[in-house]
Amino acid sequence: MSDYHPIGCETYAALEIAIVQGTRLRVGWQSPDGRWHIEPLLPVDLRTREHEEFLIAQRAVGRPLEIRLDRIRRFMPL
């Protein structure tokens, strides 16, 4: 069983708006190994897999990245 905790609707909606508008975000999240990351990202999509939700984004260097939504601690438009 997963330890995933769903995020709030308001947060999910803010991510959807950033995707639709093509807004780059500064995102802070904690990886599964406990390390903290802060990066500018271009959000591309939101996906659900096995009852967990993920942000699909592009890094500045163009590499794709997938972040489980409950690991995101903060984000703000750039």
PDB file of N, CA and C in Angstrom:
ATOM      1  N   MET A   1       0.838  -1.187   0.000  1.00  0.00           N
ATOM      2  CA  MET A   1       0.000   0.000   0.000  1.00  0.00           C
ATOM      3  C   MET A   1       0.881   1.248   0.000  1.00  0.00           C
ATOM      4  N   SER A   2       0.439   2.252  -0.707  1.00  0.00           N
ATOM      5  CA  SER A   2       1.189   3.486  -0.869  1.00  0.00           C
ATOM      6  C   SER A   2       1.025   4.397   0.350  1.00  0.00           C
ATOM      7  N   ASP A   3       2.041   5.223   0.596  1.00  0.00           N
ATOM      8  CA  ASP A   3       1.959   6.229   1.651  1.00  0.00           C
ATOM      9  C   ASP A   3       1.524   7.585   1.086  1.00  0.00           C
ATOM     10  N   TYR A   4       0.993   7.591  -0.128  1.00  0.00           N
ATOM     11  CA  TYR A   4       0.569   8.827  -0.798  1.00  0.00           C
ATOM     12  C   TYR A   4      -0.568   9.497  -0.035  1.00  0.00           C
ATOM     13  N   HIS A   5      -0.465  10.838   0.068  1.00  0.00           N
ATOM     14  CA  HIS A   5      -1.521  11.651   0.691  1.00  0.00           C
ATOM     15  C   HIS A   5      -2.002  12.651  -0.354  1.00  0.00           C
ATOM     16  N   PRO A   6      -3.264  12.589  -0.769  1.00  0.00           N
ATOM     17  CA  PRO A   6      -3.771  13.509  -1.802  1.00  0.00           C
ATOM     18  C   PRO A   6      -3.564  14.967  -1.397  1.00  0.00           C
ATOM     19  N   ILE A   7      -3.310  15.793  -2.409  1.00  0.00           N
ATOM     20  CA  ILE A   7      -3.141  17.224  -2.155  1.00  0.00           C
ATOM     21  C   ILE A   7      -4.504  17.908  -2.234  1.00  0.00           C
ATOM     22  N   GLY A   8      -4.563  19.128  -1.783  1.00  0.00           N
ATOM     23  CA  GLY A   8      -5.806  19.883  -1.814  1.00  0.00           C
ATOM     24  C   GLY A   8      -6.219  20.276  -3.225  1.00  0.00           C
ATOM     25  N   CYS A   9      -7.509  20.431  -3.413  1.00  0.00           N
ATOM     26  CA  CYS A   9      -8.056  20.798  -4.727  1.00  0.00           C
ATOM     27  C   CYS A   9      -7.517  22.135  -5.212  1.00  0.00           C
ATOM     28  N   GLU A  10      -7.331  23.088  -4.312  1.00  0.00           N
ATOM     29  CA  GLU A  10      -6.830  24.405  -4.694  1.00  0.00           C
ATOM     30  C   GLU A  10      -5.408  24.311  -5.251  1.00  0.00           C
ATOM     31  N   THR A  11      -4.581  23.506  -4.632  1.00  0.00           N
ATOM     32  CA  THR A  11      -3.205  23.310  -5.107  1.00  0.00           C
ATOM     33  C   THR A  11      -3.203  22.619  -6.460  1.00  0.00           C
ATOM     34  N   TYR A  12      -4.027  21.589  -6.597  1.00  0.00           N
ATOM     35  CA  TYR A  12      -4.125  20.858  -7.869  1.00  0.00           C
ATOM     36  C   TYR A  12      -4.582  21.806  -8.982  1.00  0.00           C
ATOM     37  N   ALA A  13      -5.585  22.636  -8.683  1.00  0.00           N
ATOM     38  CA  ALA A  13      -6.102  23.587  -9.672  1.00  0.00           C
ATOM     39  C   ALA A  13      -5.032  24.601 -10.072  1.00  0.00           C
ATOM     40  N   ALA A  14      -4.224  25.058  -9.114  1.00  0.00           N
ATOM     41  CA  ALA A  14      -3.154  26.015  -9.427  1.00  0.00           C
ATOM     42  C   ALA A  14      -2.127  25.384 -10.368  1.00  0.00           C
ATOM     43  N   LEU A  15      -1.835  24.105 -10.178  1.00  0.00           N
ATOM     44  CA  LEU A  15      -0.918  23.409 -11.089  1.00  0.00           C
ATOM     45  C   LEU A  15      -1.544  23.271 -12.477  1.00  0.00           C
ATOM     46  N   GLU A  16      -2.830  22.957 -12.532  1.00  0.00           N
ATOM     47  CA  GLU A  16      -3.528  22.857 -13.829  1.00  0.00           C
ATOM     48  C   GLU A  16      -3.474  24.183 -14.581  1.00  0.00           C
ATOM     49  N   ILE A  17      -3.693  25.272 -13.883  1.00  0.00           N
ATOM     50  CA  ILE A  17      -3.656  26.599 -14.514  1.00  0.00           C
ATOM     51  C   ILE A  17      -2.255  26.891 -15.055  1.00  0.00           C
ATOM     52  N   ALA A  18      -1.228  26.570 -14.283  1.00  0.00           N
ATOM     53  CA  ALA A  18       0.147  26.792 -14.744  1.00  0.00           C
ATOM     54  C   ALA A  18       0.434  25.980 -16.007  1.00  0.00           C
ATOM     55  N   ILE A  19      -0.093  24.765 -16.081  1.00  0.00           N
ATOM     56  CA  ILE A  19       0.100  23.922 -17.261  1.00  0.00           C
ATOM     57  C   ILE A  19      -0.585  24.551 -18.471  1.00  0.00           C
ATOM     58  N   VAL A  20      -1.842  24.932 -18.321  1.00  0.00           N
ATOM     59  CA  VAL A  20      -2.615  25.498 -19.426  1.00  0.00           C
ATOM     60  C   VAL A  20      -1.996  26.802 -19.923  1.00  0.00           C
ATOM     61  N   GLN A  21      -1.517  27.628 -18.995  1.00  0.00           N
ATOM     62  CA  GLN A  21      -0.957  28.925 -19.360  1.00  0.00           C
ATOM     63  C   GLN A  21       0.515  28.852 -19.758  1.00  0.00           C
ATOM     64  N   GLY A  22       1.146  27.698 -19.570  1.00  0.00           N
ATOM     65  CA  GLY A  22       2.564  27.561 -19.910  1.00  0.00           C
ATOM     66  C   GLY A  22       3.475  28.357 -18.993  1.00  0.00           C
ATOM     67  N   THR A  23       3.077  28.484 -17.737  1.00  0.00           N
ATOM     68  CA  THR A  23       3.826  29.264 -16.761  1.00  0.00           C
ATOM     69  C   THR A  23       4.934  28.436 -16.118  1.00  0.00           C
ATOM     70  N   ARG A  24       6.156  28.942 -16.207  1.00  0.00           N
ATOM     71  CA  ARG A  24       7.264  28.274 -15.514  1.00  0.00           C
ATOM     72  C   ARG A  24       7.103  28.501 -14.011  1.00  0.00           C
ATOM     73  N   LEU A  25       7.469  27.496 -13.228  1.00  0.00           N
ATOM     74  CA  LEU A  25       7.347  27.550 -11.779  1.00  0.00           C
ATOM     75  C   LEU A  25       8.689  27.284 -11.121  1.00  0.00           C
ATOM     76  N   ARG A  26       8.909  27.908  -9.972  1.00  0.00           N
ATOM     77  CA  ARG A  26      10.003  27.505  -9.096  1.00  0.00           C
ATOM     78  C   ARG A  26       9.364  26.519  -8.117  1.00  0.00           C
ATOM     79  N   VAL A  27       9.839  25.280  -8.161  1.00  0.00           N
ATOM     80  CA  VAL A  27       9.223  24.203  -7.390  1.00  0.00           C
ATOM     81  C   VAL A  27      10.213  23.677  -6.354  1.00  0.00           C
ATOM     82  N   GLY A  28       9.735  23.533  -5.125  1.00  0.00           N
ATOM     83  CA  GLY A  28      10.513  22.920  -4.056  1.00  0.00           C
ATOM     84  C   GLY A  28       9.870  21.600  -3.681  1.00  0.00           C
ATOM     85  N   TRP A  29      10.653  20.522  -3.677  1.00  0.00           N
ATOM     86  CA  TRP A  29      10.109  19.209  -3.343  1.00  0.00           C
ATOM     87  C   TRP A  29      11.167  18.349  -2.676  1.00  0.00           C
ATOM     88  N   GLN A  30      10.696  17.300  -2.031  1.00  0.00           N
ATOM     89  CA  GLN A  30      11.573  16.353  -1.365  1.00  0.00           C
ATOM     90  C   GLN A  30      11.526  15.040  -2.133  1.00  0.00           C
ATOM     91  N   SER A  31      12.685  14.554  -2.540  1.00  0.00           N
ATOM     92  CA  SER A  31      12.742  13.305  -3.296  1.00  0.00           C
ATOM     93  C   SER A  31      12.538  12.120  -2.346  1.00  0.00           C
ATOM     94  N   PRO A  32      12.247  10.933  -2.898  1.00  0.00           N
ATOM     95  CA  PRO A  32      12.010   9.759  -2.047  1.00  0.00           C
ATOM     96  C   PRO A  32      13.181   9.439  -1.115  1.00  0.00           C
ATOM     97  N   ASP A  33      14.404   9.820  -1.497  1.00  0.00           N
ATOM     98  CA  ASP A  33      15.561   9.545  -0.640  1.00  0.00           C
ATOM     99  C   ASP A  33      15.770  10.623   0.434  1.00  0.00           C
ATOM    100  N   GLY A  34      14.854  11.602   0.508  1.00  0.00           N
ATOM    101  CA  GLY A  34      14.898  12.619   1.549  1.00  0.00           C
ATOM    102  C   GLY A  34      15.616  13.909   1.177  1.00  0.00           C
ATOM    103  N   ARG A  35      16.242  13.958  -0.006  1.00  0.00           N
ATOM    104  CA  ARG A  35      16.943  15.182  -0.414  1.00  0.00           C
ATOM    105  C   ARG A  35      15.943  16.239  -0.862  1.00  0.00           C
ATOM    106  N   TRP A  36      16.287  17.507  -0.587  1.00  0.00           N
ATOM    107  CA  TRP A  36      15.458  18.636  -0.995  1.00  0.00           C
ATOM    108  C   TRP A  36      15.959  19.191  -2.318  1.00  0.00           C
ATOM    109  N   HIS A  37      15.014  19.622  -3.154  1.00  0.00           N
ATOM    110  CA  HIS A  37      15.328  20.196  -4.453  1.00  0.00           C
ATOM    111  C   HIS A  37      14.520  21.479  -4.634  1.00  0.00           C
ATOM    112  N   ILE A  38      15.118  22.455  -5.274  1.00  0.00           N
ATOM    113  CA  ILE A  38      14.414  23.657  -5.710  1.00  0.00           C
ATOM    114  C   ILE A  38      14.910  23.944  -7.119  1.00  0.00           C
ATOM    115  N   GLU A  39      13.980  23.944  -8.074  1.00  0.00           N
ATOM    116  CA  GLU A  39      14.358  24.143  -9.481  1.00  0.00           C
ATOM    117  C   GLU A  39      13.275  24.903 -10.213  1.00  0.00           C
ATOM    118  N   PRO A  40      13.672  25.659 -11.234  1.00  0.00           N
ATOM    119  CA  PRO A  40      12.664  26.206 -12.148  1.00  0.00           C
ATOM    120  C   PRO A  40      12.227  25.085 -13.093  1.00  0.00           C
ATOM    121  N   LEU A  41      10.927  24.905 -13.230  1.00  0.00           N
ATOM    122  CA  LEU A  41      10.379  23.833 -14.062  1.00  0.00           C
ATOM    123  C   LEU A  41       9.246  24.369 -14.925  1.00  0.00           C
ATOM    124  N   LEU A  42       9.052  23.736 -16.060  1.00  0.00           N
ATOM    125  CA  LEU A  42       7.879  24.000 -16.888  1.00  0.00           C
ATOM    126  C   LEU A  42       6.922  22.841 -16.689  1.00  0.00           C
ATOM    127  N   PRO A  43       5.786  23.062 -16.004  1.00  0.00           N
ATOM    128  CA  PRO A  43       4.833  21.974 -15.810  1.00  0.00           C
ATOM    129  C   PRO A  43       4.170  21.613 -17.139  1.00  0.00           C
ATOM    130  N   VAL A  44       4.065  20.325 -17.424  1.00  0.00           N
ATOM    131  CA  VAL A  44       3.555  19.856 -18.707  1.00  0.00           C
ATOM    132  C   VAL A  44       2.243  19.099 -18.557  1.00  0.00           C
ATOM    133  N   ASP A  45       2.103  18.308 -17.493  1.00  0.00           N
ATOM    134  CA  ASP A  45       0.916  17.467 -17.352  1.00  0.00           C
ATOM    135  C   ASP A  45       0.786  17.010 -15.904  1.00  0.00           C
ATOM    136  N   LEU A  46      -0.409  16.547 -15.555  1.00  0.00           N
ATOM    137  CA  LEU A  46      -0.675  15.885 -14.283  1.00  0.00           C
ATOM    138  C   LEU A  46      -1.179  14.484 -14.618  1.00  0.00           C
ATOM    139  N   ARG A  47      -0.652  13.490 -13.931  1.00  0.00           N
ATOM    140  CA  ARG A  47      -1.033  12.104 -14.219  1.00  0.00           C
ATOM    141  C   ARG A  47      -1.331  11.359 -12.938  1.00  0.00           C
ATOM    142  N   THR A  48      -2.189  10.358 -13.062  1.00  0.00           N
ATOM    143  CA  THR A  48      -2.505   9.482 -11.942  1.00  0.00           C
ATOM    144  C   THR A  48      -2.084   8.067 -12.316  1.00  0.00           C
ATOM    145  N   ARG A  49      -1.395   7.424 -11.383  1.00  0.00           N
ATOM    146  CA  ARG A  49      -0.948   6.061 -11.596  1.00  0.00           C
ATOM    147  C   ARG A  49      -1.000   5.329 -10.255  1.00  0.00           C
ATOM    148  N   GLU A  50      -1.697   4.214 -10.227  1.00  0.00           N
ATOM    149  CA  GLU A  50      -1.808   3.396  -9.019  1.00  0.00           C
ATOM    150  C   GLU A  50      -2.216   4.229  -7.803  1.00  0.00           C
ATOM    151  N   HIS A  51      -3.232   5.070  -7.981  1.00  0.00           N
ATOM    152  CA  HIS A  51      -3.820   5.897  -6.923  1.00  0.00           C
ATOM    153  C   HIS A  51      -2.875   6.976  -6.396  1.00  0.00           C
ATOM    154  N   GLU A  52      -1.827   7.316  -7.155  1.00  0.00           N
ATOM    155  CA  GLU A  52      -0.929   8.405  -6.808  1.00  0.00           C
ATOM    156  C   GLU A  52      -0.938   9.415  -7.953  1.00  0.00           C
ATOM    157  N   GLU A  53      -0.786  10.713  -7.612  1.00  0.00           N
ATOM    158  CA  GLU A  53      -0.798  11.772  -8.625  1.00  0.00           C
ATOM    159  C   GLU A  53       0.605  12.348  -8.782  1.00  0.00           C
ATOM    160  N   PHE A  54       0.945  12.700 -10.036  1.00  0.00           N
ATOM    161  CA  PHE A  54       2.279  13.167 -10.359  1.00  0.00           C
ATOM    162  C   PHE A  54       2.233  14.405 -11.241  1.00  0.00           C
ATOM    163  N   LEU A  55       3.208  15.281 -11.037  1.00  0.00           N
ATOM    164  CA  LEU A  55       3.445  16.402 -11.937  1.00  0.00           C
ATOM    165  C   LEU A  55       4.514  15.957 -12.927  1.00  0.00           C
ATOM    166  N   ILE A  56       4.223  16.126 -14.204  1.00  0.00           N
ATOM    167  CA  ILE A  56       5.199  15.888 -15.257  1.00  0.00           C
ATOM    168  C   ILE A  56       5.703  17.264 -15.678  1.00  0.00           C
ATOM    169  N   ALA A  57       7.019  17.459 -15.653  1.00  0.00           N
ATOM    170  CA  ALA A  57       7.589  18.778 -15.935  1.00  0.00           C
ATOM    171  C   ALA A  57       8.864  18.621 -16.754  1.00  0.00           C
ATOM    172  N   GLN A  58       9.287  19.747 -17.328  1.00  0.00           N
ATOM    173  CA  GLN A  58      10.559  19.816 -18.049  1.00  0.00           C
ATOM    174  C   GLN A  58      11.521  20.666 -17.232  1.00  0.00           C
ATOM    175  N   ARG A  59      12.722  20.153 -17.064  1.00  0.00           N
ATOM    176  CA  ARG A  59      13.778  20.928 -16.410  1.00  0.00           C
ATOM    177  C   ARG A  59      14.322  21.962 -17.384  1.00  0.00           C
ATOM    178  N   ALA A  60      15.102  22.893 -16.880  1.00  0.00           N
ATOM    179  CA  ALA A  60      15.681  23.948 -17.714  1.00  0.00           C
ATOM    180  C   ALA A  60      16.516  23.370 -18.848  1.00  0.00           C
ATOM    181  N   VAL A  61      17.167  22.252 -18.622  1.00  0.00           N
ATOM    182  CA  VAL A  61      17.998  21.622 -19.654  1.00  0.00           C
ATOM    183  C   VAL A  61      17.172  20.730 -20.573  1.00  0.00           C
ATOM    184  N   GLY A  62      15.847  20.696 -20.377  1.00  0.00           N
ATOM    185  CA  GLY A  62      14.955  19.973 -21.266  1.00  0.00           C
ATOM    186  C   GLY A  62      14.672  18.538 -20.886  1.00  0.00           C
ATOM    187  N   ARG A  63      15.297  18.042 -19.827  1.00  0.00           N
ATOM    188  CA  ARG A  63      15.028  16.667 -19.403  1.00  0.00           C
ATOM    189  C   ARG A  63      13.696  16.590 -18.676  1.00  0.00           C
ATOM    190  N   PRO A  64      12.898  15.540 -18.934  1.00  0.00           N
ATOM    191  CA  PRO A  64      11.620  15.399 -18.233  1.00  0.00           C
ATOM    192  C   PRO A  64      11.841  14.987 -16.773  1.00  0.00           C
ATOM    193  N   LEU A  65      10.868  15.320 -15.966  1.00  0.00           N
ATOM    194  CA  LEU A  65      10.919  15.028 -14.540  1.00  0.00           C
ATOM    195  C   LEU A  65       9.519  14.680 -14.082  1.00  0.00           C
ATOM    196  N   GLU A  66       9.403  13.720 -13.195  1.00  0.00           N
ATOM    197  CA  GLU A  66       8.115  13.328 -12.621  1.00  0.00           C
ATOM    198  C   GLU A  66       8.233  13.458 -11.105  1.00  0.00           C
ATOM    199  N   ILE A  67       7.320  14.235 -10.505  1.00  0.00           N
ATOM    200  CA  ILE A  67       7.334  14.462  -9.060  1.00  0.00           C
ATOM    201  C   ILE A  67       5.981  14.062  -8.498  1.00  0.00           C
ATOM    202  N   ARG A  68       5.991  13.209  -7.504  1.00  0.00           N
ATOM    203  CA  ARG A  68       4.732  12.863  -6.838  1.00  0.00           C
ATOM    204  C   ARG A  68       4.207  14.100  -6.124  1.00  0.00           C
ATOM    205  N   LEU A  69       2.921  14.404  -6.322  1.00  0.00           N
ATOM    206  CA  LEU A  69       2.375  15.682  -5.861  1.00  0.00           C
ATOM    207  C   LEU A  69       2.511  15.906  -4.361  1.00  0.00           C
ATOM    208  N   ASP A  70       2.395  14.879  -3.557  1.00  0.00           N
ATOM    209  CA  ASP A  70       2.489  15.115  -2.119  1.00  0.00           C
ATOM    210  C   ASP A  70       3.932  15.333  -1.652  1.00  0.00           C
ATOM    211  N   ARG A  71       4.898  15.235  -2.549  1.00  0.00           N
ATOM    212  CA  ARG A  71       6.288  15.543  -2.211  1.00  0.00           C
ATOM    213  C   ARG A  71       6.627  17.010  -2.497  1.00  0.00           C
ATOM    214  N   ILE A  72       5.757  17.704  -3.219  1.00  0.00           N
ATOM    215  CA  ILE A  72       5.956  19.123  -3.508  1.00  0.00           C
ATOM    216  C   ILE A  72       5.602  19.919  -2.264  1.00  0.00           C
ATOM    217  N   ARG A  73       6.530  20.718  -1.805  1.00  0.00           N
ATOM    218  CA  ARG A  73       6.309  21.516  -0.594  1.00  0.00           C
ATOM    219  C   ARG A  73       5.864  22.935  -0.911  1.00  0.00           C
ATOM    220  N   ARG A  74       6.320  23.451  -2.067  1.00  0.00           N
ATOM    221  CA  ARG A  74       5.898  24.808  -2.463  1.00  0.00           C
ATOM    222  C   ARG A  74       6.207  24.999  -3.941  1.00  0.00           C
ATOM    223  N   PHE A  75       5.489  25.934  -4.531  1.00  0.00           N
ATOM    224  CA  PHE A  75       5.789  26.350  -5.908  1.00  0.00           C
ATOM    225  C   PHE A  75       5.282  27.761  -6.088  1.00  0.00           C
ATOM    226  N   MET A  76       5.939  28.477  -7.001  1.00  0.00           N
ATOM    227  CA  MET A  76       5.516  29.842  -7.295  1.00  0.00           C
ATOM    228  C   MET A  76       5.858  30.156  -8.741  1.00  0.00           C
ATOM    229  N   PRO A  77       5.053  30.993  -9.377  1.00  0.00           N
ATOM    230  CA  PRO A  77       5.339  31.362 -10.772  1.00  0.00           C
ATOM    231  C   PRO A  77       6.637  32.148 -10.871  1.00  0.00           C
ATOM    232  N   LEU A  78       7.313  31.985 -11.986  1.00  0.00           N
ATOM    233  CA  LEU A  78       8.527  32.766 -12.249  1.00  0.00           C
ATOM    234  C   LEU A  78       8.193  33.965 -13.107  1.00  0.00           C
TER     235      LEU A  78
END
